Amino acid sequence: MQQFTIRDIENLTGIKAHTLRIWEQRYNFFSPQRKESLHRFYDNEDLKKLLRISYLYHNGWKVSKIAELNEEQIIENVRKVDGESPSSTAFVAQLIEAAVDFDEHRFLVLLNGMIGRIGFERCVTEICYPFLQKIGLLWSTNNVLPAQEHFSSYII
């Protein structure tokens, strides 16, 4: 199991650590584990859930509406939003989720879908490059396995 700090989650989701703490208290749709020092840490499942939440949030959803949804409804709504016009930040989050799961099929579907929508050049500059920066940062801080970084960079 990999562990992510709140700072890692902030960098991956684009949601400030302060906001995450407030959401944790106010909406209670996630609760990170704590170290003996009481610092929060998140595991792979927490990361994936927060990536989905950030995806909806960055696509115009109010956090209060997201908090009313169960896990299946969140996933269903991510798929609906994905059919519309996702932002590059949200799309990078989906790629990270697929890479963490070693889900080659989903990774390829996402990547090829984005190439079809915005073209190869824009996909490389707006999606692949930011994704590789984030996954590289996660790798260099021992938050993802080298295999996860190699998996995704090989596909790209």
N, C-alpha and C. Protein backbone atom coordinates (compact mmCIF):
# COMPACT_ATOMS: atom_id res chain seq x y z
N MET A 1 0.84 -1.18 0.00
CA MET A 1 0.00 0.00 0.00
C MET A 1 0.89 1.24 0.00
N GLN A 2 0.57 2.16 -0.86
CA GLN A 2 1.31 3.41 -0.91
C GLN A 2 0.63 4.44 -0.03
N GLN A 3 1.41 5.37 0.48
CA GLN A 3 0.88 6.41 1.34
C GLN A 3 1.15 7.77 0.72
N PHE A 4 0.16 8.63 0.77
CA PHE A 4 0.26 9.97 0.22
C PHE A 4 0.00 10.98 1.32
N THR A 5 0.80 12.04 1.35
CA THR A 5 0.57 13.11 2.31
C THR A 5 -0.53 14.02 1.78
N ILE A 6 -1.01 14.89 2.61
CA ILE A 6 -2.03 15.84 2.16
C ILE A 6 -1.44 16.76 1.09
N ARG A 7 -0.16 17.04 1.16
CA ARG A 7 0.51 17.86 0.14
C ARG A 7 0.53 17.12 -1.20
N ASP A 8 0.77 15.81 -1.17
CA ASP A 8 0.72 15.01 -2.40
C ASP A 8 -0.68 15.07 -3.01
N ILE A 9 -1.69 14.91 -2.16
CA ILE A 9 -3.08 14.94 -2.63
C ILE A 9 -3.40 16.31 -3.22
N GLU A 10 -2.92 17.36 -2.56
CA GLU A 10 -3.12 18.72 -3.06
C GLU A 10 -2.52 18.87 -4.46
N ASN A 11 -1.30 18.39 -4.65
CA ASN A 11 -0.64 18.51 -5.94
C ASN A 11 -1.32 17.68 -7.02
N LEU A 12 -1.86 16.54 -6.65
CA LEU A 12 -2.48 15.65 -7.64
C LEU A 12 -3.91 16.08 -8.01
N THR A 13 -4.64 16.63 -7.06
CA THR A 13 -6.03 16.98 -7.31
C THR A 13 -6.25 18.43 -7.68
N GLY A 14 -5.28 19.29 -7.34
CA GLY A 14 -5.47 20.71 -7.58
C GLY A 14 -6.37 21.35 -6.54
N ILE A 15 -6.61 20.67 -5.44
CA ILE A 15 -7.44 21.19 -4.35
C ILE A 15 -6.53 21.46 -3.17
N LYS A 16 -6.57 22.67 -2.65
CA LYS A 16 -5.68 23.09 -1.56
C LYS A 16 -5.88 22.22 -0.32
N ALA A 17 -4.78 22.01 0.40
CA ALA A 17 -4.81 21.19 1.62
C ALA A 17 -5.81 21.73 2.62
N HIS A 18 -5.87 23.04 2.75
CA HIS A 18 -6.83 23.66 3.68
C HIS A 18 -8.27 23.29 3.31
N THR A 19 -8.55 23.34 2.02
CA THR A 19 -9.89 22.98 1.54
C THR A 19 -10.19 21.51 1.81
N LEU A 20 -9.21 20.64 1.59
CA LEU A 20 -9.39 19.21 1.88
C LEU A 20 -9.72 18.98 3.35
N ARG A 21 -9.02 19.69 4.24
CA ARG A 21 -9.29 19.56 5.68
C ARG A 21 -10.71 20.00 6.02
N ILE A 22 -11.14 21.09 5.41
CA ILE A 22 -12.50 21.58 5.66
C ILE A 22 -13.52 20.58 5.14
N TRP A 23 -13.30 20.06 3.93
CA TRP A 23 -14.22 19.07 3.37
C TRP A 23 -14.28 17.83 4.25
N GLU A 24 -13.15 17.42 4.77
CA GLU A 24 -13.10 16.25 5.65
C GLU A 24 -14.01 16.46 6.86
N GLN A 25 -13.95 17.62 7.46
CA GLN A 25 -14.76 17.90 8.64
C GLN A 25 -16.22 18.15 8.30
N ARG A 26 -16.45 18.94 7.26
CA ARG A 26 -17.81 19.37 6.94
C ARG A 26 -18.65 18.29 6.26
N TYR A 27 -18.06 17.55 5.34
CA TYR A 27 -18.84 16.62 4.53
C TYR A 27 -18.59 15.16 4.86
N ASN A 28 -17.48 14.87 5.50
CA ASN A 28 -17.19 13.52 5.99
C ASN A 28 -17.30 12.43 4.91
N PHE A 29 -16.99 12.76 3.64
CA PHE A 29 -17.02 11.70 2.63
C PHE A 29 -15.67 11.04 2.43
N PHE A 30 -14.70 11.42 3.20
CA PHE A 30 -13.43 10.70 3.27
C PHE A 30 -12.82 10.99 4.63
N SER A 31 -12.09 10.02 5.11
CA SER A 31 -11.40 10.23 6.40
C SER A 31 -10.04 9.56 6.32
N PRO A 32 -9.01 10.37 6.20
CA PRO A 32 -7.66 9.82 6.08
C PRO A 32 -7.22 9.15 7.38
N GLN A 33 -6.28 8.24 7.23
CA GLN A 33 -5.69 7.63 8.41
C GLN A 33 -4.68 8.61 8.98
N ARG A 34 -4.23 8.32 10.18
CA ARG A 34 -3.26 9.23 10.80
C ARG A 34 -2.06 8.45 11.31
N LYS A 35 -0.91 9.09 11.23
CA LYS A 35 0.31 8.52 11.78
C LYS A 35 0.33 8.81 13.29
N GLU A 36 1.31 8.27 13.98
CA GLU A 36 1.44 8.55 15.41
C GLU A 36 1.59 10.04 15.67
N SER A 37 2.18 10.76 14.73
CA SER A 37 2.35 12.20 14.85
C SER A 37 1.07 12.97 14.57
N LEU A 38 -0.01 12.24 14.23
CA LEU A 38 -1.33 12.77 13.89
C LEU A 38 -1.39 13.42 12.50
N HIS A 39 -0.32 13.30 11.72
CA HIS A 39 -0.36 13.79 10.34
C HIS A 39 -1.24 12.85 9.51
N ARG A 40 -2.02 13.45 8.64
CA ARG A 40 -2.88 12.67 7.76
C ARG A 40 -2.04 11.94 6.71
N PHE A 41 -2.53 10.74 6.34
CA PHE A 41 -1.98 10.09 5.16
C PHE A 41 -3.11 9.35 4.46
N TYR A 42 -2.95 9.22 3.17
CA TYR A 42 -3.98 8.67 2.30
C TYR A 42 -3.40 7.46 1.59
N ASP A 43 -4.24 6.45 1.32
CA ASP A 43 -3.79 5.28 0.58
C ASP A 43 -4.30 5.37 -0.87
N ASN A 44 -4.05 4.31 -1.65
CA ASN A 44 -4.44 4.32 -3.07
C ASN A 44 -5.93 4.55 -3.25
N GLU A 45 -6.75 3.89 -2.42
CA GLU A 45 -8.20 4.05 -2.56
C GLU A 45 -8.64 5.47 -2.24
N ASP A 46 -8.04 6.07 -1.22
CA ASP A 46 -8.34 7.47 -0.90
C ASP A 46 -7.96 8.36 -2.08
N LEU A 47 -6.78 8.12 -2.66
CA LEU A 47 -6.33 8.92 -3.79
C LEU A 47 -7.33 8.82 -4.94
N LYS A 48 -7.74 7.62 -5.28
CA LYS A 48 -8.67 7.44 -6.39
C LYS A 48 -10.00 8.16 -6.12
N LYS A 49 -10.50 8.03 -4.90
CA LYS A 49 -11.76 8.69 -4.56
C LYS A 49 -11.61 10.20 -4.66
N LEU A 50 -10.51 10.73 -4.14
CA LEU A 50 -10.31 12.17 -4.19
C LEU A 50 -10.05 12.67 -5.61
N LEU A 51 -9.45 11.85 -6.45
CA LEU A 51 -9.29 12.22 -7.86
C LEU A 51 -10.66 12.31 -8.54
N ARG A 52 -11.54 11.39 -8.22
CA ARG A 52 -12.90 11.43 -8.80
C ARG A 52 -13.65 12.66 -8.31
N ILE A 53 -13.54 12.93 -7.01
CA ILE A 53 -14.22 14.10 -6.44
C ILE A 53 -13.67 15.38 -7.08
N SER A 54 -12.34 15.46 -7.22
CA SER A 54 -11.75 16.66 -7.82
C SER A 54 -12.16 16.78 -9.29
N TYR A 55 -12.32 15.66 -9.96
CA TYR A 55 -12.75 15.67 -11.36
C TYR A 55 -14.12 16.34 -11.47
N LEU A 56 -15.05 15.91 -10.63
CA LEU A 56 -16.38 16.53 -10.65
C LEU A 56 -16.30 18.00 -10.24
N TYR A 57 -15.55 18.27 -9.19
CA TYR A 57 -15.41 19.63 -8.67
C TYR A 57 -14.84 20.57 -9.73
N HIS A 58 -13.79 20.14 -10.43
CA HIS A 58 -13.18 20.97 -11.46
C HIS A 58 -14.05 21.09 -12.71
N ASN A 59 -15.07 20.27 -12.80
CA ASN A 59 -16.00 20.37 -13.92
C ASN A 59 -17.31 21.02 -13.50
N GLY A 60 -17.27 21.83 -12.43
CA GLY A 60 -18.41 22.67 -12.08
C GLY A 60 -19.36 22.15 -11.02
N TRP A 61 -19.12 20.98 -10.48
CA TRP A 61 -19.99 20.44 -9.45
C TRP A 61 -19.72 21.12 -8.12
N LYS A 62 -20.77 21.37 -7.34
CA LYS A 62 -20.61 21.89 -5.99
C LYS A 62 -20.25 20.73 -5.06
N VAL A 63 -19.34 20.98 -4.14
CA VAL A 63 -18.89 19.92 -3.25
C VAL A 63 -20.03 19.40 -2.39
N SER A 64 -20.99 20.25 -2.04
CA SER A 64 -22.13 19.80 -1.24
C SER A 64 -22.96 18.76 -2.00
N LYS A 65 -23.05 18.90 -3.33
CA LYS A 65 -23.77 17.92 -4.16
C LYS A 65 -22.97 16.62 -4.28
N ILE A 66 -21.66 16.75 -4.40
CA ILE A 66 -20.82 15.56 -4.48
C ILE A 66 -20.91 14.76 -3.19
N ALA A 67 -20.95 15.45 -2.06
CA ALA A 67 -21.00 14.80 -0.75
C ALA A 67 -22.28 13.98 -0.56
N GLU A 68 -23.33 14.32 -1.28
CA GLU A 68 -24.60 13.59 -1.17
C GLU A 68 -24.57 12.26 -1.93
N LEU A 69 -23.57 12.06 -2.78
CA LEU A 69 -23.50 10.87 -3.62
C LEU A 69 -22.75 9.74 -2.94
N ASN A 70 -23.17 8.51 -3.23
CA ASN A 70 -22.37 7.36 -2.77
C ASN A 70 -21.29 7.09 -3.81
N GLU A 71 -20.42 6.14 -3.53
CA GLU A 71 -19.26 5.88 -4.40
C GLU A 71 -19.68 5.52 -5.83
N GLU A 72 -20.70 4.69 -5.98
CA GLU A 72 -21.15 4.30 -7.32
C GLU A 72 -21.70 5.49 -8.09
N GLN A 73 -22.42 6.37 -7.40
CA GLN A 73 -22.97 7.55 -8.06
C GLN A 73 -21.86 8.52 -8.48
N ILE A 74 -20.82 8.62 -7.65
CA ILE A 74 -19.68 9.47 -8.02
C ILE A 74 -19.04 8.94 -9.30
N ILE A 75 -18.80 7.63 -9.35
CA ILE A 75 -18.19 7.02 -10.54
C ILE A 75 -19.08 7.22 -11.76
N GLU A 76 -20.37 7.01 -11.60
CA GLU A 76 -21.32 7.19 -12.70
C GLU A 76 -21.30 8.62 -13.22
N ASN A 77 -21.27 9.59 -12.31
CA ASN A 77 -21.25 10.99 -12.73
C ASN A 77 -19.93 11.39 -13.36
N VAL A 78 -18.84 10.80 -12.93
CA VAL A 78 -17.55 11.05 -13.58
C VAL A 78 -17.63 10.58 -15.03
N ARG A 79 -18.24 9.43 -15.25
CA ARG A 79 -18.38 8.92 -16.62
C ARG A 79 -19.26 9.84 -17.47
N LYS A 80 -20.32 10.37 -16.87
CA LYS A 80 -21.20 11.29 -17.60
C LYS A 80 -20.45 12.56 -17.98
N VAL A 81 -19.73 13.12 -17.02
CA VAL A 81 -18.98 14.35 -17.27
C VAL A 81 -17.90 14.08 -18.31
N ASP A 82 -17.29 12.90 -18.24
CA ASP A 82 -16.24 12.51 -19.19
C ASP A 82 -16.76 12.54 -20.62
N GLY A 83 -18.04 12.24 -20.81
CA GLY A 83 -18.63 12.27 -22.14
C GLY A 83 -18.83 13.67 -22.67
N GLU A 84 -18.77 14.66 -21.78
CA GLU A 84 -18.95 16.05 -22.19
C GLU A 84 -17.59 16.64 -22.57
N SER A 85 -17.11 17.59 -21.83
CA SER A 85 -15.85 18.26 -22.18
C SER A 85 -14.96 18.39 -20.95
N PRO A 86 -14.18 17.38 -20.64
CA PRO A 86 -13.38 17.43 -19.44
C PRO A 86 -12.22 18.41 -19.52
N SER A 87 -11.85 18.97 -18.38
CA SER A 87 -10.69 19.85 -18.34
C SER A 87 -9.42 19.01 -18.34
N SER A 88 -8.32 19.62 -18.71
CA SER A 88 -7.06 18.87 -18.75
C SER A 88 -6.64 18.43 -17.36
N THR A 89 -6.86 19.25 -16.34
CA THR A 89 -6.51 18.87 -14.97
C THR A 89 -7.28 17.64 -14.53
N ALA A 90 -8.56 17.64 -14.83
CA ALA A 90 -9.39 16.50 -14.46
C ALA A 90 -8.99 15.26 -15.24
N PHE A 91 -8.64 15.45 -16.50
CA PHE A 91 -8.25 14.31 -17.32
C PHE A 91 -6.94 13.69 -16.85
N VAL A 92 -5.99 14.53 -16.44
CA VAL A 92 -4.73 14.04 -15.89
C VAL A 92 -5.02 13.20 -14.64
N ALA A 93 -5.97 13.64 -13.85
CA ALA A 93 -6.34 12.89 -12.63
C ALA A 93 -6.86 11.50 -12.99
N GLN A 94 -7.63 11.40 -14.06
CA GLN A 94 -8.13 10.09 -14.49
C GLN A 94 -6.99 9.19 -14.96
N LEU A 95 -6.02 9.77 -15.65
CA LEU A 95 -4.87 8.98 -16.08
C LEU A 95 -4.06 8.48 -14.89
N ILE A 96 -3.91 9.32 -13.88
CA ILE A 96 -3.18 8.90 -12.68
C ILE A 96 -3.91 7.74 -12.01
N GLU A 97 -5.22 7.83 -11.94
CA GLU A 97 -6.00 6.74 -11.35
C GLU A 97 -5.79 5.44 -12.11
N ALA A 98 -5.82 5.50 -13.43
CA ALA A 98 -5.60 4.30 -14.25
C ALA A 98 -4.18 3.76 -14.06
N ALA A 99 -3.20 4.65 -13.96
CA ALA A 99 -1.81 4.23 -13.77
C ALA A 99 -1.61 3.57 -12.41
N VAL A 100 -2.21 4.13 -11.38
CA VAL A 100 -2.09 3.55 -10.03
C VAL A 100 -2.66 2.14 -10.00
N ASP A 101 -3.73 1.92 -10.78
CA ASP A 101 -4.37 0.60 -10.85
C ASP A 101 -3.74 -0.34 -11.88
N PHE A 102 -2.76 0.13 -12.63
CA PHE A 102 -2.18 -0.65 -13.73
C PHE A 102 -3.26 -1.08 -14.72
N ASP A 103 -4.23 -0.20 -14.96
CA ASP A 103 -5.36 -0.52 -15.84
C ASP A 103 -5.03 -0.05 -17.26
N GLU A 104 -4.37 -0.92 -18.01
CA GLU A 104 -3.90 -0.57 -19.35
C GLU A 104 -5.05 -0.22 -20.29
N HIS A 105 -6.12 -1.00 -20.24
CA HIS A 105 -7.26 -0.75 -21.12
C HIS A 105 -7.84 0.64 -20.87
N ARG A 106 -8.11 0.96 -19.63
CA ARG A 106 -8.68 2.28 -19.29
C ARG A 106 -7.70 3.40 -19.68
N PHE A 107 -6.42 3.21 -19.41
CA PHE A 107 -5.42 4.21 -19.76
C PHE A 107 -5.44 4.48 -21.26
N LEU A 108 -5.45 3.42 -22.05
CA LEU A 108 -5.47 3.58 -23.51
C LEU A 108 -6.76 4.22 -24.01
N VAL A 109 -7.89 3.80 -23.44
CA VAL A 109 -9.17 4.39 -23.84
C VAL A 109 -9.17 5.89 -23.55
N LEU A 110 -8.71 6.26 -22.36
CA LEU A 110 -8.65 7.68 -21.99
C LEU A 110 -7.73 8.46 -22.92
N LEU A 111 -6.54 7.94 -23.12
CA LEU A 111 -5.55 8.63 -23.93
C LEU A 111 -6.00 8.76 -25.39
N ASN A 112 -6.47 7.66 -25.98
CA ASN A 112 -6.94 7.70 -27.36
C ASN A 112 -8.17 8.57 -27.53
N GLY A 113 -9.05 8.56 -26.52
CA GLY A 113 -10.23 9.43 -26.57
C GLY A 113 -9.84 10.89 -26.58
N MET A 114 -8.85 11.25 -25.78
CA MET A 114 -8.42 12.64 -25.74
C MET A 114 -7.71 13.03 -27.02
N ILE A 115 -6.93 12.13 -27.60
CA ILE A 115 -6.29 12.42 -28.89
C ILE A 115 -7.36 12.68 -29.94
N GLY A 116 -8.42 11.89 -29.92
CA GLY A 116 -9.52 12.08 -30.86
C GLY A 116 -10.24 13.41 -30.65
N ARG A 117 -10.34 13.87 -29.41
CA ARG A 117 -11.06 15.11 -29.11
C ARG A 117 -10.25 16.36 -29.44
N ILE A 118 -8.99 16.37 -29.00
CA ILE A 118 -8.22 17.63 -29.11
C ILE A 118 -7.03 17.53 -30.05
N GLY A 119 -6.78 16.35 -30.59
CA GLY A 119 -5.65 16.18 -31.50
C GLY A 119 -4.39 15.75 -30.77
N PHE A 120 -3.48 15.19 -31.54
CA PHE A 120 -2.26 14.61 -30.96
C PHE A 120 -1.38 15.66 -30.29
N GLU A 121 -1.13 16.76 -30.99
CA GLU A 121 -0.21 17.77 -30.45
C GLU A 121 -0.72 18.37 -29.14
N ARG A 122 -1.97 18.78 -29.11
CA ARG A 122 -2.54 19.33 -27.88
C ARG A 122 -2.59 18.29 -26.77
N CYS A 123 -2.83 17.04 -27.11
CA CYS A 123 -2.86 15.97 -26.11
C CYS A 123 -1.48 15.83 -25.46
N VAL A 124 -0.44 15.90 -26.27
CA VAL A 124 0.92 15.78 -25.72
C VAL A 124 1.23 16.96 -24.81
N THR A 125 0.94 18.18 -25.26
CA THR A 125 1.32 19.36 -24.48
C THR A 125 0.40 19.62 -23.30
N GLU A 126 -0.89 19.36 -23.44
CA GLU A 126 -1.85 19.69 -22.37
C GLU A 126 -2.16 18.54 -21.43
N ILE A 127 -1.94 17.30 -21.89
CA ILE A 127 -2.30 16.13 -21.07
C ILE A 127 -1.06 15.31 -20.71
N CYS A 128 -0.36 14.82 -21.70
CA CYS A 128 0.76 13.90 -21.44
C CYS A 128 1.87 14.55 -20.63
N TYR A 129 2.30 15.73 -21.03
CA TYR A 129 3.39 16.38 -20.33
C TYR A 129 3.03 16.67 -18.86
N PRO A 130 1.87 17.28 -18.57
CA PRO A 130 1.51 17.48 -17.15
C PRO A 130 1.35 16.15 -16.39
N PHE A 131 0.82 15.14 -17.06
CA PHE A 131 0.68 13.83 -16.42
C PHE A 131 2.06 13.27 -16.05
N LEU A 132 2.99 13.30 -17.00
CA LEU A 132 4.32 12.76 -16.74
C LEU A 132 5.05 13.53 -15.65
N GLN A 133 4.81 14.84 -15.57
CA GLN A 133 5.39 15.62 -14.48
C GLN A 133 4.86 15.14 -13.13
N LYS A 134 3.54 14.95 -13.05
CA LYS A 134 2.94 14.53 -11.78
C LYS A 134 3.35 13.11 -11.39
N ILE A 135 3.33 12.21 -12.34
CA ILE A 135 3.68 10.82 -12.02
C ILE A 135 5.17 10.73 -11.69
N GLY A 136 5.99 11.56 -12.34
CA GLY A 136 7.41 11.61 -12.02
C GLY A 136 7.66 12.14 -10.61
N LEU A 137 6.90 13.16 -10.23
CA LEU A 137 7.00 13.69 -8.88
C LEU A 137 6.60 12.63 -7.86
N LEU A 138 5.53 11.92 -8.15
CA LEU A 138 5.09 10.85 -7.25
C LEU A 138 6.15 9.76 -7.14
N TRP A 139 6.77 9.44 -8.25
CA TRP A 139 7.80 8.41 -8.26
C TRP A 139 9.01 8.86 -7.46
N SER A 140 9.44 10.09 -7.68
CA SER A 140 10.65 10.58 -7.00
C SER A 140 10.44 10.75 -5.49
N THR A 141 9.21 10.84 -5.06
CA THR A 141 8.92 10.95 -3.62
C THR A 141 8.43 9.62 -3.05
N ASN A 142 8.63 8.53 -3.81
CA ASN A 142 8.26 7.18 -3.39
C ASN A 142 6.77 7.02 -3.08
N ASN A 143 5.92 7.72 -3.82
CA ASN A 143 4.48 7.60 -3.63
C ASN A 143 3.82 6.73 -4.67
N VAL A 144 4.52 6.44 -5.74
CA VAL A 144 4.08 5.40 -6.67
C VAL A 144 5.29 4.51 -6.93
N LEU A 145 5.01 3.32 -7.35
CA LEU A 145 6.08 2.38 -7.66
C LEU A 145 6.74 2.78 -8.98
N PRO A 146 8.02 2.49 -9.11
CA PRO A 146 8.66 2.76 -10.41
C PRO A 146 7.91 2.05 -11.54
N ALA A 147 7.35 0.89 -11.25
CA ALA A 147 6.61 0.15 -12.27
C ALA A 147 5.39 0.93 -12.75
N GLN A 148 4.74 1.68 -11.88
CA GLN A 148 3.57 2.46 -12.29
C GLN A 148 3.99 3.60 -13.20
N GLU A 149 5.11 4.22 -12.89
CA GLU A 149 5.61 5.30 -13.75
C GLU A 149 6.05 4.72 -15.09
N HIS A 150 6.76 3.61 -15.07
CA HIS A 150 7.22 2.98 -16.31
C HIS A 150 6.04 2.49 -17.15
N PHE A 151 5.04 1.93 -16.48
CA PHE A 151 3.83 1.45 -17.14
C PHE A 151 3.21 2.57 -17.98
N SER A 152 2.99 3.72 -17.36
CA SER A 152 2.31 4.80 -18.05
C SER A 152 3.20 5.48 -19.09
N SER A 153 4.49 5.68 -18.78
CA SER A 153 5.35 6.34 -19.77
C SER A 153 5.56 5.43 -20.98
N TYR A 154 5.58 4.11 -20.79
CA TYR A 154 5.70 3.18 -21.91
C TYR A 154 4.48 3.28 -22.84
N ILE A 155 3.29 3.35 -22.24
CA ILE A 155 2.07 3.46 -23.05
C ILE A 155 2.07 4.76 -23.84
N ILE A 156 2.46 5.83 -23.18
CA ILE A 156 2.48 7.14 -23.87
C ILE A 156 3.50 7.10 -24.99
